[in-house]
Amino acid sequence: QVQLVESGGGLAQAGGSLTLSCAASGSIFSIPVVGWYRQASGKQQEFVALITRGGTTNYADSVKGRFIISRDNAKNTVYLQMNSLKPEDTAVYYCYAGSRWGQGTQVTVSS
């Protein structure tokens, strides 16, 4: 089964940018939907963004216009470009592909 590994998290200043990557151990070409969720400390997990096999995207209102999701099927990788970061974006970010989930990567945004 496909294993997912996120990377690219870290510390950023408000207004800055980070790009998360989610590398799959196998092909994601046939997986209809891949995307990202996040969970801030003490809060429930929330949807961030998804992209379909055909390239259709959907974003949470809280990140719309600031985050961009993309997928490179040839590299079996999903990306989340995060711009204009805000302190409220601080969370552990998880990628998913179908029913598989990564282990998460921490993003911390300082004000």
Foldseek 3Di string as FASTA:
>chain_A
DKAKAKDFADEAEQQAKIKMKIAIPDFLLPQFKKAKWWDAPPGDIGGAKMAGSVGDIDGDPVQPPFWDWDADRVRRMIMIIGGNDDQVVFTWMWMDTRHYIYPTDTHGYHD
